[in-house]
PDB file of N, CA and C in Angstrom:
ATOM      1  N   MET A   1      10.538 -26.760  -5.589  1.00  0.00           N
ATOM      2  CA  MET A   1      10.961 -26.903  -6.974  1.00  0.00           C
ATOM      3  C   MET A   1       9.728 -27.066  -7.869  1.00  0.00           C
ATOM      4  N   LYS A   2       9.727 -26.364  -8.979  1.00  0.00           N
ATOM      5  CA  LYS A   2       8.590 -26.417  -9.894  1.00  0.00           C
ATOM      6  C   LYS A   2       8.614 -27.697 -10.713  1.00  0.00           C
ATOM      7  N   GLU A   3       7.439 -28.151 -11.085  1.00  0.00           N
ATOM      8  CA  GLU A   3       7.290 -29.386 -11.845  1.00  0.00           C
ATOM      9  C   GLU A   3       7.836 -29.217 -13.260  1.00  0.00           C
ATOM     10  N   LEU A   4       8.569 -30.208 -13.733  1.00  0.00           N
ATOM     11  CA  LEU A   4       9.092 -30.207 -15.090  1.00  0.00           C
ATOM     12  C   LEU A   4       7.993 -30.665 -16.043  1.00  0.00           C
ATOM     13  N   ILE A   5       7.650 -29.828 -17.004  1.00  0.00           N
ATOM     14  CA  ILE A   5       6.599 -30.143 -17.981  1.00  0.00           C
ATOM     15  C   ILE A   5       7.281 -30.643 -19.256  1.00  0.00           C
ATOM     16  N   PRO A   6       7.027 -31.896 -19.663  1.00  0.00           N
ATOM     17  CA  PRO A   6       7.649 -32.386 -20.897  1.00  0.00           C
ATOM     18  C   PRO A   6       7.121 -31.626 -22.121  1.00  0.00           C
ATOM     19  N   LEU A   7       8.005 -31.331 -23.054  1.00  0.00           N
ATOM     20  CA  LEU A   7       7.611 -30.615 -24.267  1.00  0.00           C
ATOM     21  C   LEU A   7       7.003 -31.576 -25.274  1.00  0.00           C
ATOM     22  N   GLU A   8       5.925 -31.137 -25.883  1.00  0.00           N
ATOM     23  CA  GLU A   8       5.238 -31.909 -26.919  1.00  0.00           C
ATOM     24  C   GLU A   8       5.163 -31.069 -28.180  1.00  0.00           C
ATOM     25  N   GLU A   9       4.770 -31.704 -29.263  1.00  0.00           N
ATOM     26  CA  GLU A   9       4.607 -30.984 -30.526  1.00  0.00           C
ATOM     27  C   GLU A   9       3.569 -29.882 -30.348  1.00  0.00           C
ATOM     28  N   GLY A  10       3.879 -28.682 -30.810  1.00  0.00           N
ATOM     29  CA  GLY A  10       2.975 -27.555 -30.704  1.00  0.00           C
ATOM     30  C   GLY A  10       3.208 -26.694 -29.472  1.00  0.00           C
ATOM     31  N   ASP A  11       4.138 -27.103 -28.603  1.00  0.00           N
ATOM     32  CA  ASP A  11       4.427 -26.331 -27.401  1.00  0.00           C
ATOM     33  C   ASP A  11       5.379 -25.167 -27.661  1.00  0.00           C
ATOM     34  N   PHE A  12       6.144 -25.230 -28.734  1.00  0.00           N
ATOM     35  CA  PHE A  12       7.088 -24.164 -29.043  1.00  0.00           C
ATOM     36  C   PHE A  12       7.434 -24.184 -30.523  1.00  0.00           C
ATOM     37  N   TYR A  13       8.054 -23.094 -30.972  1.00  0.00           N
ATOM     38  CA  TYR A  13       8.628 -23.038 -32.319  1.00  0.00           C
ATOM     39  C   TYR A  13       9.938 -22.274 -32.209  1.00  0.00           C
ATOM     40  N   LEU A  14      10.770 -22.376 -33.222  1.00  0.00           N
ATOM     41  CA  LEU A  14      12.044 -21.665 -33.222  1.00  0.00           C
ATOM     42  C   LEU A  14      11.893 -20.358 -33.985  1.00  0.00           C
ATOM     43  N   SER A  15      12.354 -19.274 -33.379  1.00  0.00           N
ATOM     44  CA  SER A  15      12.295 -17.965 -34.028  1.00  0.00           C
ATOM     45  C   SER A  15      13.367 -17.906 -35.120  1.00  0.00           C
ATOM     46  N   GLU A  16      13.320 -16.857 -35.906  1.00  0.00           N
ATOM     47  CA  GLU A  16      14.319 -16.679 -36.968  1.00  0.00           C
ATOM     48  C   GLU A  16      15.727 -16.603 -36.390  1.00  0.00           C
ATOM     49  N   GLU A  17      15.826 -16.112 -35.155  1.00  0.00           N
ATOM     50  CA  GLU A  17      17.127 -15.987 -34.494  1.00  0.00           C
ATOM     51  C   GLU A  17      17.575 -17.301 -33.856  1.00  0.00           C
ATOM     52  N   GLY A  18      16.699 -18.309 -33.853  1.00  0.00           N
ATOM     53  CA  GLY A  18      17.034 -19.610 -33.295  1.00  0.00           C
ATOM     54  C   GLY A  18      16.612 -19.819 -31.856  1.00  0.00           C
ATOM     55  N   TYR A  19      15.819 -18.886 -31.314  1.00  0.00           N
ATOM     56  CA  TYR A  19      15.345 -19.019 -29.939  1.00  0.00           C
ATOM     57  C   TYR A  19      14.081 -19.868 -29.887  1.00  0.00           C
ATOM     58  N   LYS A  20      13.909 -20.607 -28.799  1.00  0.00           N
ATOM     59  CA  LYS A  20      12.703 -21.390 -28.570  1.00  0.00           C
ATOM     60  C   LYS A  20      11.631 -20.436 -28.056  1.00  0.00           C
ATOM     61  N   VAL A  21      10.485 -20.377 -28.734  1.00  0.00           N
ATOM     62  CA  VAL A  21       9.378 -19.490 -28.354  1.00  0.00           C
ATOM     63  C   VAL A  21       8.199 -20.375 -27.955  1.00  0.00           C
ATOM     64  N   PHE A  22       7.811 -20.273 -26.686  1.00  0.00           N
ATOM     65  CA  PHE A  22       6.700 -21.090 -26.195  1.00  0.00           C
ATOM     66  C   PHE A  22       5.367 -20.528 -26.665  1.00  0.00           C
ATOM     67  N   THR A  23       4.454 -21.433 -27.002  1.00  0.00           N
ATOM     68  CA  THR A  23       3.140 -21.060 -27.511  1.00  0.00           C
ATOM     69  C   THR A  23       2.144 -20.885 -26.359  1.00  0.00           C
ATOM     70  N   LYS A  24       0.989 -20.337 -26.687  1.00  0.00           N
ATOM     71  CA  LYS A  24      -0.089 -20.175 -25.707  1.00  0.00           C
ATOM     72  C   LYS A  24      -0.462 -21.533 -25.119  1.00  0.00           C
ATOM     73  N   LYS A  25      -0.467 -22.557 -25.952  1.00  0.00           N
ATOM     74  CA  LYS A  25      -0.799 -23.919 -25.515  1.00  0.00           C
ATOM     75  C   LYS A  25       0.135 -24.358 -24.385  1.00  0.00           C
ATOM     76  N   TYR A  26       1.426 -24.114 -24.534  1.00  0.00           N
ATOM     77  CA  TYR A  26       2.379 -24.513 -23.506  1.00  0.00           C
ATOM     78  C   TYR A  26       2.172 -23.717 -22.213  1.00  0.00           C
ATOM     79  N   HIS A  27       1.984 -22.407 -22.340  1.00  0.00           N
ATOM     80  CA  HIS A  27       1.786 -21.578 -21.155  1.00  0.00           C
ATOM     81  C   HIS A  27       0.558 -22.035 -20.363  1.00  0.00           C
ATOM     82  N   LEU A  28      -0.523 -22.356 -21.048  1.00  0.00           N
ATOM     83  CA  LEU A  28      -1.730 -22.824 -20.370  1.00  0.00           C
ATOM     84  C   LEU A  28      -1.496 -24.180 -19.703  1.00  0.00           C
ATOM     85  N   LYS A  29      -0.728 -25.047 -20.364  1.00  0.00           N
ATOM     86  CA  LYS A  29      -0.412 -26.351 -19.795  1.00  0.00           C
ATOM     87  C   LYS A  29       0.453 -26.184 -18.540  1.00  0.00           C
ATOM     88  N   ARG A  30       1.372 -25.216 -18.558  1.00  0.00           N
ATOM     89  CA  ARG A  30       2.236 -24.950 -17.403  1.00  0.00           C
ATOM     90  C   ARG A  30       1.405 -24.441 -16.227  1.00  0.00           C
ATOM     91  N   GLY A  31       0.406 -23.594 -16.501  1.00  0.00           N
ATOM     92  CA  GLY A  31      -0.548 -23.210 -15.477  1.00  0.00           C
ATOM     93  C   GLY A  31      -0.254 -21.958 -14.682  1.00  0.00           C
ATOM     94  N   TYR A  32       0.778 -21.212 -15.002  1.00  0.00           N
ATOM     95  CA  TYR A  32       1.058 -19.973 -14.272  1.00  0.00           C
ATOM     96  C   TYR A  32       1.869 -19.028 -15.159  1.00  0.00           C
ATOM     97  N   CYS A  33       1.899 -17.757 -14.766  1.00  0.00           N
ATOM     98  CA  CYS A  33       2.666 -16.742 -15.487  1.00  0.00           C
ATOM     99  C   CYS A  33       4.037 -16.597 -14.833  1.00  0.00           C
ATOM    100  N   CYS A  34       5.090 -16.606 -15.622  1.00  0.00           N
ATOM    101  CA  CYS A  34       6.451 -16.478 -15.098  1.00  0.00           C
ATOM    102  C   CYS A  34       6.894 -15.016 -15.026  1.00  0.00           C
ATOM    103  N   GLU A  35       6.057 -14.107 -15.531  1.00  0.00           N
ATOM    104  CA  GLU A  35       6.317 -12.662 -15.535  1.00  0.00           C
ATOM    105  C   GLU A  35       7.627 -12.294 -16.237  1.00  0.00           C
ATOM    106  N   SER A  36       7.897 -12.991 -17.355  1.00  0.00           N
ATOM    107  CA  SER A  36       9.089 -12.699 -18.154  1.00  0.00           C
ATOM    108  C   SER A  36       8.761 -11.912 -19.416  1.00  0.00           C
ATOM    109  N   GLY A  37       7.480 -11.631 -19.627  1.00  0.00           N
ATOM    110  CA  GLY A  37       7.074 -10.895 -20.824  1.00  0.00           C
ATOM    111  C   GLY A  37       7.046 -11.770 -22.065  1.00  0.00           C
ATOM    112  N   CYS A  38       6.622 -13.006 -21.913  1.00  0.00           N
ATOM    113  CA  CYS A  38       6.590 -13.953 -23.034  1.00  0.00           C
ATOM    114  C   CYS A  38       5.691 -13.447 -24.167  1.00  0.00           C
ATOM    115  N   ARG A  39       6.086 -13.733 -25.374  1.00  0.00           N
ATOM    116  CA  ARG A  39       5.384 -13.276 -26.577  1.00  0.00           C
ATOM    117  C   ARG A  39       3.941 -13.763 -26.632  1.00  0.00           C
ATOM    118  N   HIS A  40       3.684 -14.992 -26.198  1.00  0.00           N
ATOM    119  CA  HIS A  40       2.342 -15.588 -26.305  1.00  0.00           C
ATOM    120  C   HIS A  40       1.697 -15.812 -24.937  1.00  0.00           C
ATOM    121  N   CYS A  41       1.956 -14.924 -23.995  1.00  0.00           N
ATOM    122  CA  CYS A  41       1.424 -15.083 -22.637  1.00  0.00           C
ATOM    123  C   CYS A  41      -0.101 -14.972 -22.637  1.00  0.00           C
ATOM    124  N   PRO A  42      -0.810 -16.049 -22.214  1.00  0.00           N
ATOM    125  CA  PRO A  42      -2.271 -15.985 -22.156  1.00  0.00           C
ATOM    126  C   PRO A  42      -2.781 -15.336 -20.875  1.00  0.00           C
ATOM    127  N   TYR A  43      -1.872 -15.009 -19.964  1.00  0.00           N
ATOM    128  CA  TYR A  43      -2.264 -14.448 -18.677  1.00  0.00           C
ATOM    129  C   TYR A  43      -2.287 -12.928 -18.681  1.00  0.00           C
ATOM    130  N   GLY A  44      -1.889 -12.318 -19.791  1.00  0.00           N
ATOM    131  CA  GLY A  44      -2.001 -10.876 -19.940  1.00  0.00           C
ATOM    132  C   GLY A  44      -0.926 -10.063 -19.248  1.00  0.00           C
ATOM    133  N   TYR A  45       0.205 -10.664 -18.937  1.00  0.00           N
ATOM    134  CA  TYR A  45       1.270  -9.925 -18.257  1.00  0.00           C
ATOM    135  C   TYR A  45       1.951  -8.950 -19.211  1.00  0.00           C
ATOM    136  N   ASN A  46       2.166  -7.731 -18.742  1.00  0.00           N
ATOM    137  CA  ASN A  46       2.863  -6.702 -19.520  1.00  0.00           C
ATOM    138  C   ASN A  46       4.138  -6.345 -18.770  1.00  0.00           C
ATOM    139  N   LYS A  47       5.284  -6.677 -19.352  1.00  0.00           N
ATOM    140  CA  LYS A  47       6.569  -6.442 -18.688  1.00  0.00           C
ATOM    141  C   LYS A  47       6.853  -4.961 -18.499  1.00  0.00           C
ATOM    142  N   LYS A  48       6.386  -4.128 -19.408  1.00  0.00           N
ATOM    143  CA  LYS A  48       6.639  -2.680 -19.300  1.00  0.00           C
ATOM    144  C   LYS A  48       5.919  -2.061 -18.100  1.00  0.00           C
ATOM    145  N   THR A  49       4.700  -2.490 -17.838  1.00  0.00           N
ATOM    146  CA  THR A  49       3.922  -1.930 -16.726  1.00  0.00           C
ATOM    147  C   THR A  49       3.984  -2.796 -15.479  1.00  0.00           C
ATOM    148  N   ASN A  50       4.567  -4.008 -15.609  1.00  0.00           N
ATOM    149  CA  ASN A  50       4.661  -4.968 -14.516  1.00  0.00           C
ATOM    150  C   ASN A  50       3.280  -5.282 -13.939  1.00  0.00           C
ATOM    151  N   ALA A  51       2.293  -5.430 -14.841  1.00  0.00           N
ATOM    152  CA  ALA A  51       0.923  -5.716 -14.419  1.00  0.00           C
ATOM    153  C   ALA A  51       0.253  -6.683 -15.397  1.00  0.00           C
ATOM    154  N   ARG A  52      -0.817  -7.301 -14.919  1.00  0.00           N
ATOM    155  CA  ARG A  52      -1.619  -8.185 -15.775  1.00  0.00           C
ATOM    156  C   ARG A  52      -2.886  -7.457 -16.169  1.00  0.00           C
ATOM    157  N   ARG A  53      -3.419  -7.808 -17.335  1.00  0.00           N
ATOM    158  CA  ARG A  53      -4.655  -7.191 -17.832  1.00  0.00           C
ATOM    159  C   ARG A  53      -5.853  -7.623 -17.041  1.00  0.00           C
TER     160      ARG A  53
END
């Protein structure tokens, strides 16, 4: 089971549609890429090519 990372200020924002969007800060704190094609992925994952930069 993966470790639960508590959310802090600056870890996410709400999109216009009301979705929670995680920031680069949160992804780096989490420490790995989930390969979901996140908007602010610092690991360079591209969902279309299924590869990292």
